[in-house]
Protein backbone atom coordinates (compact mmCIF):
# COMPACT_ATOMS: atom_id res chain seq x y z
CA ALA A 1 -25.67 -56.15 12.39
CA LEU A 2 -24.69 -55.51 8.56
CA VAL A 3 -21.16 -54.87 10.38
CA ALA A 4 -21.26 -58.25 12.17
CA ALA A 5 -22.42 -60.03 9.05
CA ILE A 6 -19.47 -58.65 7.20
CA GLU A 7 -17.03 -59.63 9.71
CA SER A 8 -18.31 -63.15 9.35
CA CYS A 9 -17.88 -63.14 5.98
CA LEU A 10 -14.31 -61.75 6.14
CA ASP A 11 -13.46 -64.27 9.09
CA ASP A 12 -14.44 -67.13 6.59
CA GLY A 13 -12.16 -65.89 3.93
CA ALA A 14 -13.84 -63.21 2.15
CA ALA A 15 -11.33 -61.26 0.17
CA GLY A 16 -12.92 -58.13 1.04
CA VAL A 17 -16.17 -55.73 0.69
CA SER A 18 -17.32 -54.15 -2.58
CA THR A 19 -20.41 -51.54 -2.50
CA GLY A 20 -22.33 -49.97 -5.31
CA LEU A 21 -23.02 -46.60 -3.53
CA MET A 22 -24.94 -45.33 -6.97
CA TYR A 23 -27.46 -48.37 -6.59
CA PRO A 24 -30.29 -48.83 -4.18
CA PRO A 25 -30.12 -50.15 -1.39
CA ALA A 26 -26.45 -49.09 -0.73
CA MET A 27 -26.98 -45.28 -1.97
CA SER A 28 -28.57 -44.94 1.56
CA ALA A 29 -25.26 -45.66 3.56
CA ASP A 30 -24.20 -42.81 5.23
CA ARG A 31 -20.49 -41.85 6.17
CA ASP A 32 -20.71 -43.67 9.86
CA GLU A 33 -22.10 -46.94 8.47
CA LEU A 34 -19.45 -46.87 5.32
CA VAL A 35 -16.48 -46.00 8.04
CA ALA A 36 -17.65 -49.17 10.30
CA ILE A 37 -17.25 -51.32 7.06
CA GLY A 38 -13.83 -50.00 6.47
CA ARG A 39 -12.60 -50.68 9.93
CA ALA A 40 -13.88 -54.30 9.70
CA VAL A 41 -12.39 -54.77 6.39
CA ALA A 42 -8.93 -52.87 7.83
CA ARG A 43 -8.93 -55.24 10.94
CA ARG A 44 -8.55 -57.95 8.47
CA ASP A 45 -6.43 -56.34 5.86
CA ARG A 46 -8.63 -56.86 3.17
CA LEU A 47 -9.84 -54.46 0.37
CA PHE A 48 -12.48 -52.18 0.19
CA ALA A 49 -13.85 -51.67 -3.54
CA VAL A 50 -16.12 -48.69 -3.89
CA HIS A 51 -18.29 -48.07 -6.96
CA MET A 52 -18.67 -44.66 -5.98
CA ARG A 53 -21.81 -42.51 -5.10
CA ASN A 54 -21.59 -40.44 -8.42
CA TYR A 55 -19.43 -40.66 -11.52
CA SER A 56 -20.85 -37.38 -13.32
CA ASP A 57 -21.52 -33.92 -12.08
CA HIS A 58 -20.20 -34.99 -8.39
CA LEU A 59 -17.30 -37.16 -9.36
CA LEU A 60 -14.83 -34.86 -7.14
CA ASP A 61 -17.09 -34.93 -4.35
CA ALA A 62 -17.50 -38.69 -4.53
CA VAL A 63 -13.77 -39.55 -4.90
CA THR A 64 -13.42 -37.17 -1.87
CA GLU A 65 -16.16 -39.10 0.16
CA ALA A 66 -14.33 -42.23 -0.86
CA LEU A 67 -10.89 -41.34 0.39
CA GLU A 68 -12.06 -39.66 3.33
CA ILE A 69 -13.85 -43.23 4.45
CA ALA A 70 -10.34 -44.82 4.01
CA ARG A 71 -8.74 -42.31 6.06
CA ALA A 72 -11.27 -42.33 8.77
CA SER A 73 -11.14 -46.37 8.63
CA GLY A 74 -7.74 -47.21 8.01
CA CYS A 75 -8.86 -49.80 4.72
CA ARG A 76 -7.27 -50.13 1.74
CA LEU A 77 -9.39 -48.62 -0.75
CA GLN A 78 -9.84 -49.66 -4.45
CA VAL A 79 -11.61 -46.79 -6.56
CA SER A 80 -13.89 -49.03 -9.00
CA HIS A 81 -13.54 -48.03 -12.75
CA LEU A 82 -12.53 -44.21 -12.24
CA ALA A 83 -14.25 -42.35 -14.99
CA VAL A 84 -16.80 -39.49 -15.79
CA ALA A 85 -20.05 -39.50 -17.67
CA GLY A 86 -21.51 -36.22 -19.62
CA ARG A 87 -19.48 -34.08 -21.68
CA ARG A 88 -19.97 -31.18 -19.55
CA ASN A 89 -17.93 -33.10 -17.08
CA TRP A 90 -14.73 -34.06 -19.36
CA GLY A 91 -11.55 -33.43 -17.50
CA ALA A 92 -12.42 -34.13 -13.96
CA VAL A 93 -10.97 -37.51 -14.10
CA PRO A 94 -7.30 -35.68 -13.92
CA ARG A 95 -8.40 -33.58 -10.99
CA ALA A 96 -9.62 -36.85 -9.18
CA LEU A 97 -6.16 -38.43 -9.88
CA GLU A 98 -4.94 -35.56 -8.17
CA LEU A 99 -7.18 -36.08 -5.16
CA ILE A 100 -5.86 -39.57 -5.27
CA GLU A 101 -2.28 -38.78 -5.38
CA ALA A 102 -2.38 -36.62 -2.46
CA ALA A 103 -4.27 -38.97 -0.40
CA ARG A 104 -1.72 -41.58 -1.27
CA SER A 105 0.96 -39.35 -0.32
CA ASP A 106 -0.76 -38.75 3.10
CA GLY A 107 -0.51 -42.64 3.84
CA VAL A 108 -3.87 -43.69 2.39
CA ASP A 109 -3.45 -47.03 0.64
CA VAL A 110 -5.50 -46.28 -2.60
CA ALA A 111 -5.66 -47.41 -6.19
CA VAL A 112 -8.13 -47.39 -9.08
CA ASP A 113 -9.13 -49.77 -12.10
CA ILE A 114 -10.47 -48.78 -15.29
CA TYR A 115 -11.85 -50.90 -18.53
CA PRO A 116 -10.69 -49.39 -22.02
CA TYR A 117 -14.22 -48.01 -23.29
CA ILE A 118 -15.40 -45.00 -23.28
CA ALA A 119 -19.04 -46.03 -23.08
CA GLY A 120 -20.65 -47.76 -19.68
CA SER A 121 -23.73 -49.94 -18.86
CA ALA A 122 -25.92 -50.38 -16.33
CA ASN A 123 -29.84 -50.34 -15.44
CA LEU A 124 -31.56 -47.55 -17.36
CA SER A 125 -33.27 -46.24 -14.16
CA GLN A 126 -29.52 -45.53 -12.92
CA LEU A 127 -30.35 -42.24 -14.68
CA LEU A 128 -33.24 -41.29 -12.36
CA PRO A 129 -32.48 -38.93 -9.64
CA VAL A 130 -31.53 -40.63 -6.22
CA TRP A 131 -34.67 -39.99 -4.54
CA ALA A 132 -36.62 -41.76 -7.42
CA GLN A 133 -34.59 -44.65 -6.74
CA ALA A 134 -35.30 -45.13 -3.32
CA GLY A 135 -36.75 -48.51 -2.12
CA GLY A 136 -35.39 -50.34 -4.92
CA PRO A 137 -36.80 -51.85 -8.65
CA ALA A 138 -40.42 -52.52 -7.21
CA ALA A 139 -40.65 -48.86 -5.66
CA ILE A 140 -39.10 -47.30 -8.62
CA VAL A 141 -41.86 -48.91 -11.14
CA GLU A 142 -44.58 -48.38 -8.78
CA ARG A 143 -43.35 -44.78 -8.67
CA LEU A 144 -43.51 -44.38 -12.19
CA SER A 145 -47.23 -45.51 -11.92
CA SER A 146 -47.89 -41.74 -10.76
CA ALA A 147 -48.08 -38.59 -13.16
CA GLU A 148 -47.14 -36.38 -10.43
CA GLU A 149 -43.87 -38.44 -9.72
CA ARG A 150 -43.12 -38.33 -13.37
CA ARG A 151 -43.30 -34.74 -13.69
CA ARG A 152 -41.13 -34.52 -10.53
CA ILE A 153 -38.26 -36.53 -12.13
CA ARG A 154 -38.77 -34.54 -15.76
CA GLU A 155 -38.30 -31.30 -13.66
CA ASP A 156 -35.19 -32.47 -11.77
CA TRP A 157 -33.87 -33.89 -15.22
CA ARG A 158 -33.82 -30.27 -16.18
CA GLU A 159 -30.77 -29.51 -14.42
CA SER A 160 -29.35 -33.11 -13.47
CA LEU A 161 -29.18 -35.20 -16.73
CA PHE A 162 -25.62 -34.69 -18.23
CA PHE A 163 -26.45 -37.25 -21.12
CA GLY A 164 -28.29 -36.34 -24.30
CA TRP A 165 -30.73 -39.13 -25.14
CA ASP A 166 -29.23 -39.78 -28.37
CA GLU A 167 -26.14 -41.09 -26.16
CA ILE A 168 -28.14 -43.78 -24.43
CA GLU A 169 -28.92 -46.99 -26.19
CA ILE A 170 -31.17 -49.70 -25.11
CA SER A 171 -29.07 -53.18 -24.81
CA SER A 172 -31.28 -55.60 -23.60
CA SER A 173 -34.39 -57.52 -25.20
CA GLU A 174 -37.44 -57.28 -23.04
CA PRO A 175 -40.67 -58.87 -23.39
CA GLY A 176 -42.60 -56.28 -25.51
CA LEU A 177 -39.89 -54.02 -26.23
CA GLU A 178 -37.80 -55.97 -28.41
CA GLU A 179 -38.29 -53.39 -31.01
CA THR A 180 -36.10 -51.21 -28.96
CA LEU A 181 -33.14 -53.01 -29.14
CA GLY A 182 -30.20 -51.22 -30.31
CA LEU A 183 -32.12 -47.86 -30.44
CA THR A 184 -31.10 -44.72 -28.53
CA VAL A 185 -33.87 -43.51 -26.32
CA GLN A 186 -34.27 -40.43 -28.56
CA ALA A 187 -34.74 -42.83 -31.45
CA VAL A 188 -37.50 -44.59 -29.61
CA ALA A 189 -39.24 -41.38 -28.64
CA GLU A 190 -39.10 -40.59 -32.45
CA ALA A 191 -40.78 -43.95 -33.33
CA TRP A 192 -43.19 -43.40 -30.25
CA SER A 193 -44.02 -39.68 -31.00
CA MET A 194 -43.28 -39.29 -27.59
CA ASP A 195 -41.05 -36.82 -25.48
CA PRO A 196 -37.72 -38.43 -24.75
CA ASN A 197 -37.89 -37.72 -21.34
CA GLU A 198 -41.22 -39.44 -20.96
CA THR A 199 -40.00 -42.45 -23.46
CA ALA A 200 -37.03 -42.99 -21.03
CA LEU A 201 -39.55 -43.22 -17.86
CA GLU A 202 -41.95 -45.46 -20.20
CA LEU A 203 -39.00 -47.67 -21.07
CA VAL A 204 -38.23 -48.31 -17.14
CA ALA A 205 -41.87 -48.91 -16.27
CA ARG A 206 -42.93 -51.32 -19.20
CA SER A 207 -39.77 -53.36 -18.55
CA ASP A 208 -40.44 -53.68 -14.68
CA ASN A 209 -37.06 -51.60 -14.53
CA ARG A 210 -35.09 -54.48 -16.23
CA VAL A 211 -34.05 -52.43 -19.28
CA GLN A 212 -30.48 -52.24 -19.84
CA MET A 213 -28.41 -49.55 -21.40
CA VAL A 214 -25.27 -48.77 -22.76
CA ALA A 215 -24.17 -44.95 -22.03
CA TYR A 216 -22.03 -43.29 -24.45
CA GLY A 217 -20.64 -39.33 -23.91
CA ARG A 218 -17.22 -40.50 -22.03
CA SER A 219 -13.86 -38.83 -22.88
CA GLU A 220 -10.99 -40.74 -24.57
CA ASP A 221 -8.26 -38.23 -22.84
CA ASP A 222 -9.66 -38.77 -19.50
CA LEU A 223 -9.78 -42.82 -20.13
CA ARG A 224 -6.03 -42.21 -21.33
CA ALA A 225 -5.20 -40.36 -18.13
CA VAL A 226 -6.34 -43.44 -15.90
CA LEU A 227 -4.62 -45.99 -18.20
CA ALA A 228 -1.37 -44.11 -18.07
CA HIS A 229 -1.16 -43.94 -14.41
CA ASP A 230 0.91 -45.93 -12.13
CA LEU A 231 -2.03 -46.84 -9.63
CA THR A 232 -4.17 -47.93 -12.16
CA SER A 233 -5.36 -51.87 -12.66
CA ILE A 234 -7.54 -53.27 -15.54
CA GLY A 235 -10.67 -54.67 -14.69
CA SER A 236 -13.58 -55.43 -17.34
CA ASP A 237 -16.07 -54.57 -14.97
CA GLY A 238 -18.37 -56.92 -17.27
CA LEU A 239 -20.44 -60.04 -16.50
CA ALA A 240 -19.41 -63.54 -17.04
CA MET A 241 -21.46 -64.44 -20.05
CA ASP A 242 -21.66 -67.46 -22.12
CA PRO A 243 -21.89 -66.21 -25.71
CA ASP A 244 -23.85 -68.72 -27.09
CA GLY A 245 -26.42 -68.70 -23.92
CA PRO A 246 -29.37 -66.59 -22.38
CA SER A 247 -26.65 -64.82 -20.31
CA SER A 248 -25.43 -62.87 -23.38
CA SER A 249 -28.96 -61.88 -25.07
CA GLY A 250 -29.40 -58.61 -26.31
CA ARG A 251 -26.52 -56.22 -26.93
CA PRO A 252 -24.53 -56.42 -23.61
CA HIS A 253 -21.40 -54.13 -23.41
CA PRO A 254 -18.49 -55.80 -25.44
CA ARG A 255 -16.31 -55.32 -22.43
CA SER A 256 -17.13 -59.01 -21.33
CA PHE A 257 -15.55 -60.20 -24.59
CA GLY A 258 -13.02 -57.71 -25.40
CA CYS A 259 -11.52 -56.02 -22.66
CA TYR A 260 -7.98 -57.05 -22.46
CA PRO A 261 -7.30 -57.78 -26.32
CA ARG A 262 -8.80 -54.32 -26.65
CA LEU A 263 -6.12 -53.08 -24.29
CA LEU A 264 -3.22 -54.76 -26.21
CA GLY A 265 -4.26 -54.26 -29.82
CA ARG A 266 -5.76 -50.69 -29.44
CA TYR A 267 -3.81 -48.85 -26.60
CA VAL A 268 -0.53 -50.78 -26.62
CA ARG A 269 -0.05 -51.50 -30.53
CA GLU A 270 -2.00 -49.05 -32.46
CA ALA A 271 -2.09 -46.15 -29.86
CA GLY A 272 1.46 -46.52 -28.45
CA ALA A 273 -0.35 -45.37 -25.19
CA LEU A 274 1.06 -48.20 -23.11
CA SER A 275 4.29 -50.47 -23.27
CA LEU A 276 3.10 -54.08 -23.76
CA GLU A 277 5.11 -54.72 -20.47
CA ARG A 278 3.16 -51.98 -18.53
CA ALA A 279 0.02 -53.49 -20.11
CA VAL A 280 0.80 -56.86 -19.15
CA GLU A 281 1.42 -55.66 -15.54
CA MET A 282 -1.83 -53.70 -15.10
CA SER A 283 -3.97 -57.02 -16.45
CA THR A 284 -2.02 -59.52 -14.39
CA SER A 285 0.27 -59.06 -11.25
CA ARG A 286 -0.79 -55.64 -10.25
CA PRO A 287 -4.43 -56.86 -9.67
CA ALA A 288 -3.72 -60.10 -8.37
CA ASP A 289 -1.36 -58.37 -5.56
CA ARG A 290 -4.03 -55.87 -4.79
CA ALA A 291 -6.59 -58.45 -4.11
CA GLY A 292 -4.09 -60.56 -2.27
CA LEU A 293 -3.96 -63.16 -5.02
CA THR A 294 -0.08 -64.49 -3.90
CA ASP A 295 -0.20 -67.54 -6.19
CA ARG A 296 -1.35 -65.71 -9.48
CA GLY A 297 -0.64 -62.94 -11.56
CA ARG A 298 2.96 -64.09 -12.32
CA VAL A 299 4.77 -66.95 -14.02
CA ILE A 300 6.51 -68.14 -11.01
CA GLU A 301 7.23 -71.73 -9.62
CA GLY A 302 4.43 -73.23 -7.50
CA GLY A 303 2.15 -70.76 -8.91
CA ILE A 304 -1.16 -71.61 -10.29
CA ALA A 305 -0.59 -72.18 -14.08
CA ASP A 306 -2.96 -69.24 -15.70
CA LEU A 307 -1.32 -68.14 -18.86
CA VAL A 308 -2.20 -66.61 -22.28
CA VAL A 309 -0.36 -66.86 -25.30
CA PHE A 310 -0.91 -64.42 -27.70
CA ASP A 311 0.43 -62.59 -30.64
CA PRO A 312 1.08 -58.95 -29.94
CA ASP A 313 1.66 -58.25 -33.56
CA SER A 314 -2.33 -59.28 -34.10
CA VAL A 315 -4.07 -59.37 -30.89
CA ILE A 316 -7.21 -57.15 -30.59
CA ASP A 317 -10.85 -57.17 -29.79
CA ALA A 318 -13.41 -58.09 -32.42
CA ALA A 319 -16.63 -57.32 -30.19
CA THR A 320 -18.53 -54.26 -30.89
CA PHE A 321 -21.58 -52.49 -29.80
CA THR A 322 -23.47 -53.85 -32.34
CA GLU A 323 -21.99 -57.51 -32.19
CA PRO A 324 -20.74 -57.93 -28.68
CA THR A 325 -20.13 -61.69 -28.73
CA LEU A 326 -17.36 -61.99 -31.14
CA ALA A 327 -14.19 -63.58 -30.16
CA PRO A 328 -10.97 -61.78 -30.04
CA VAL A 329 -8.49 -62.19 -32.64
CA GLY A 330 -4.68 -63.29 -31.83
CA ILE A 331 -5.31 -65.43 -28.78
CA HIS A 332 -3.64 -68.56 -29.61
CA GLU A 333 -3.35 -70.65 -26.13
CA VAL A 334 -5.02 -70.16 -22.88
CA ILE A 335 -4.24 -72.08 -19.97
CA VAL A 336 -6.29 -71.92 -16.58
CA ALA A 337 -4.95 -73.83 -13.35
CA GLY A 338 -2.78 -75.90 -15.59
CA LEU A 339 -5.71 -77.01 -18.29
CA ARG A 340 -5.82 -75.67 -21.77
CA VAL A 341 -8.88 -74.17 -22.66
CA VAL A 342 -8.09 -72.84 -25.86
CA ARG A 343 -5.86 -74.55 -28.30
CA ASP A 344 -4.98 -72.95 -31.55
CA GLY A 345 -7.37 -70.16 -31.31
CA ARG A 346 -10.42 -72.31 -30.60
CA GLN A 347 -12.14 -73.25 -27.11
CA VAL A 348 -12.10 -76.56 -25.93
CA ASP A 349 -15.39 -77.49 -25.06
CA ALA A 350 -14.88 -80.01 -22.67
CA ALA A 351 -12.45 -77.79 -20.49
CA ARG A 352 -14.18 -75.94 -17.48
CA PRO A 353 -11.38 -75.62 -14.78
CA GLY A 354 -12.10 -72.01 -13.82
CA ARG A 355 -13.56 -71.33 -10.28
CA THR A 356 -14.40 -68.49 -8.37
CA LEU A 357 -11.35 -66.84 -7.36
CA LEU A 358 -12.60 -64.01 -4.76
CA VAL A 359 -15.78 -64.17 -2.60
């Protein structure tokens, strides 16, 4: 039934399938189910974008699983934001790229994407053991009402927890927990005179599993290895947010407001890690080609006029983890579908020509 529903969506024009294998309920999908989905995608020459099952201790196993699915199904595979979490896992990304290169040499159509930050963002409950996330948000909260289940989680964390609680920062302002915004779990634990492991569980329980985190503890070297690779596109992995509205309340990850200016300013101009031409390609034509958007991503006659005019000598992100909605510097004009939405560095309030491109 699931495959039939996916086939129907693909036949209606969907660009492909995306799945998050770290999150319930997708984490319950086994290899056979994923291969069946991959075959449905392959028959229509669409893209299978996989947020993998693990980005920490078992990154290489997760990459291998994704590649095996693509090899068995024949689908085009996009590995979503290739990164590794936890200091003990630093250095795993170049090895993951070697696996991807080998698969590519064997005929697997695979590519990757990344955002230029060494911190990620998700629900705090993503750090729970897999078994403790079974059943989804309501089941997680119910599970945390049991002292025995909490004990099991803390026991599991003795080996599996790959972050320090001083690297996990609360990024959402939840009712009754407003004082925790911007604090690390370690700092909340100290304020509450509570064990940090128990504090993390209490934050999830008190917020009904709504509390969001920013997770630090990634490697700059790993990030640069992905940025330098020929198979990499840039994607913010962020949500569409209104800087003046409720969608950007709290302290969301600044990638939603600074991803591409950060690439151009910090990694092209300041660090020299990429040429300007390569960075622009990674942000425009390369992801457009990967997604099958033939009328976008290039300045061509007959194409959709999506254009950004920026100053390469000044462009940079201003958004930070403490002030995540600040507008970037050095973006002078933005044209979407032929209509100007930014003029002289300021947004044109009445202009709303954007639309969803991929479904």
